[in-house]
Amino acid sequence: MARAKKAEADKAGVKQKAVCSLCGKPVDPAYKPFCSKRCADLDLNRWLNGAYVIAGDSSDEEGDEPLAEREPPRDDF
């Protein structure tokens, strides 16, 4: 429903105010896309604690083994 309102506003040429993705308050340009240092820090904390995850293939063969067990790169092209 929010997308429909945004699309209608875009068609009408009306600019909507950006809001913080965490709390919904107006964005502060110093902390864009957040409203404050607090919300920016909360978001960073979520990334660092693994609350946000970027989807990807979990069977990355090269990345599964520790660096010490990998063969060194070959340079005899």
C-alpha atoms as a PDB file:
ATOM      1  CA  MET A   1       0.000   0.000   0.000  1.00  0.00           C
ATOM      2  CA  ALA A   2       2.865   2.407   0.775  1.00  0.00           C
ATOM      3  CA  ARG A   3       4.330   1.749  -2.676  1.00  0.00           C
ATOM      4  CA  ALA A   4       1.050   2.717  -4.314  1.00  0.00           C
ATOM      5  CA  LYS A   5       0.991   6.025  -2.435  1.00  0.00           C
ATOM      6  CA  LYS A   6       4.617   6.703  -3.376  1.00  0.00           C
ATOM      7  CA  ALA A   7       3.902   5.915  -7.018  1.00  0.00           C
ATOM      8  CA  GLU A   8       0.918   8.287  -6.988  1.00  0.00           C
ATOM      9  CA  ALA A   9       3.013  11.028  -5.373  1.00  0.00           C
ATOM     10  CA  ASP A  10       5.784  10.507  -7.932  1.00  0.00           C
ATOM     11  CA  LYS A  11       3.284  10.824 -10.776  1.00  0.00           C
ATOM     12  CA  ALA A  12       1.891  14.001  -9.274  1.00  0.00           C
ATOM     13  CA  GLY A  13       5.374  15.487  -8.895  1.00  0.00           C
ATOM     14  CA  VAL A  14       5.081  15.661  -5.120  1.00  0.00           C
ATOM     15  CA  LYS A  15       8.312  15.076  -3.210  1.00  0.00           C
ATOM     16  CA  GLN A  16       7.954  12.975  -0.120  1.00  0.00           C
ATOM     17  CA  LYS A  17      10.156  13.596   2.890  1.00  0.00           C
ATOM     18  CA  ALA A  18      12.641  10.829   3.557  1.00  0.00           C
ATOM     19  CA  VAL A  19      12.095   8.993   6.811  1.00  0.00           C
ATOM     20  CA  CYS A  20      14.436   6.953   8.999  1.00  0.00           C
ATOM     21  CA  SER A  21      14.291   3.271   8.116  1.00  0.00           C
ATOM     22  CA  LEU A  22      14.347   2.293  11.799  1.00  0.00           C
ATOM     23  CA  CYS A  23      12.002   4.676  13.590  1.00  0.00           C
ATOM     24  CA  GLY A  24      10.169   6.617  10.867  1.00  0.00           C
ATOM     25  CA  LYS A  25      11.288  10.100  11.945  1.00  0.00           C
ATOM     26  CA  PRO A  26      12.457  12.601   9.289  1.00  0.00           C
ATOM     27  CA  VAL A  27      16.001  11.955   8.013  1.00  0.00           C
ATOM     28  CA  ASP A  28      18.850  14.164   9.198  1.00  0.00           C
ATOM     29  CA  PRO A  29      21.236  14.842   6.278  1.00  0.00           C
ATOM     30  CA  ALA A  30      24.210  14.310   8.613  1.00  0.00           C
ATOM     31  CA  TYR A  31      23.080  10.717   9.305  1.00  0.00           C
ATOM     32  CA  LYS A  32      21.302   9.889   6.038  1.00  0.00           C
ATOM     33  CA  PRO A  33      19.428   7.501   5.676  1.00  0.00           C
ATOM     34  CA  PHE A  34      18.831   7.708   9.424  1.00  0.00           C
ATOM     35  CA  CYS A  35      17.446  10.417  11.698  1.00  0.00           C
ATOM     36  CA  SER A  36      20.194  10.361  14.311  1.00  0.00           C
ATOM     37  CA  LYS A  37      23.482   8.858  15.395  1.00  0.00           C
ATOM     38  CA  ARG A  38      21.518   6.540  17.663  1.00  0.00           C
ATOM     39  CA  CYS A  39      19.575   4.973  14.776  1.00  0.00           C
ATOM     40  CA  ALA A  40      22.731   4.754  12.653  1.00  0.00           C
ATOM     41  CA  ASP A  41      24.534   2.990  15.508  1.00  0.00           C
ATOM     42  CA  LEU A  42      21.598   0.625  16.061  1.00  0.00           C
ATOM     43  CA  ASP A  43      21.682  -0.340  12.393  1.00  0.00           C
ATOM     44  CA  LEU A  44      25.454  -0.891  12.481  1.00  0.00           C
ATOM     45  CA  ASN A  45      25.050  -3.044  15.591  1.00  0.00           C
ATOM     46  CA  ARG A  46      22.479  -5.195  13.795  1.00  0.00           C
ATOM     47  CA  TRP A  47      24.924  -5.751  10.907  1.00  0.00           C
ATOM     48  CA  LEU A  48      27.795  -6.580  13.235  1.00  0.00           C
ATOM     49  CA  ASN A  49      25.718  -9.022  15.301  1.00  0.00           C
ATOM     50  CA  GLY A  50      24.446 -10.853  12.222  1.00  0.00           C
ATOM     51  CA  ALA A  51      20.833  -9.715  12.431  1.00  0.00           C
ATOM     52  CA  TYR A  52      21.060  -8.698   8.767  1.00  0.00           C
ATOM     53  CA  VAL A  53      22.261 -11.276   6.272  1.00  0.00           C
ATOM     54  CA  ILE A  54      22.936 -10.951   2.572  1.00  0.00           C
ATOM     55  CA  ALA A  55      21.601 -14.016   0.793  1.00  0.00           C
ATOM     56  CA  GLY A  56      24.116 -16.102  -1.070  1.00  0.00           C
ATOM     57  CA  ASP A  57      25.251 -19.608  -1.896  1.00  0.00           C
ATOM     58  CA  SER A  58      26.296 -21.305   1.332  1.00  0.00           C
ATOM     59  CA  SER A  59      28.371 -23.946  -0.458  1.00  0.00           C
ATOM     60  CA  ASP A  60      31.296 -21.788  -1.516  1.00  0.00           C
ATOM     61  CA  GLU A  61      33.904 -24.508  -2.034  1.00  0.00           C
ATOM     62  CA  GLU A  62      36.928 -22.230  -1.967  1.00  0.00           C
ATOM     63  CA  GLY A  63      35.845 -20.360   1.145  1.00  0.00           C
ATOM     64  CA  ASP A  64      34.979 -23.431   3.237  1.00  0.00           C
ATOM     65  CA  GLU A  65      38.505 -24.517   4.107  1.00  0.00           C
ATOM     66  CA  PRO A  66      40.877 -22.531   6.327  1.00  0.00           C
ATOM     67  CA  LEU A  67      43.531 -20.454   4.589  1.00  0.00           C
ATOM     68  CA  ALA A  68      46.358 -22.633   5.934  1.00  0.00           C
ATOM     69  CA  GLU A  69      44.921 -25.722   4.189  1.00  0.00           C
ATOM     70  CA  ARG A  70      44.537 -24.114   0.760  1.00  0.00           C
ATOM     71  CA  GLU A  71      47.070 -24.658  -1.951  1.00  0.00           C
ATOM     72  CA  PRO A  72      49.104 -21.548  -2.740  1.00  0.00           C
ATOM     73  CA  PRO A  73      48.180 -19.834  -6.022  1.00  0.00           C
ATOM     74  CA  ARG A  74      50.083 -21.088  -9.058  1.00  0.00           C
ATOM     75  CA  ASP A  75      52.075 -18.609 -11.091  1.00  0.00           C
ATOM     76  CA  ASP A  76      53.337 -20.925 -13.849  1.00  0.00           C
ATOM     77  CA  PHE A  77      50.937 -19.836 -16.555  1.00  0.00           C
END
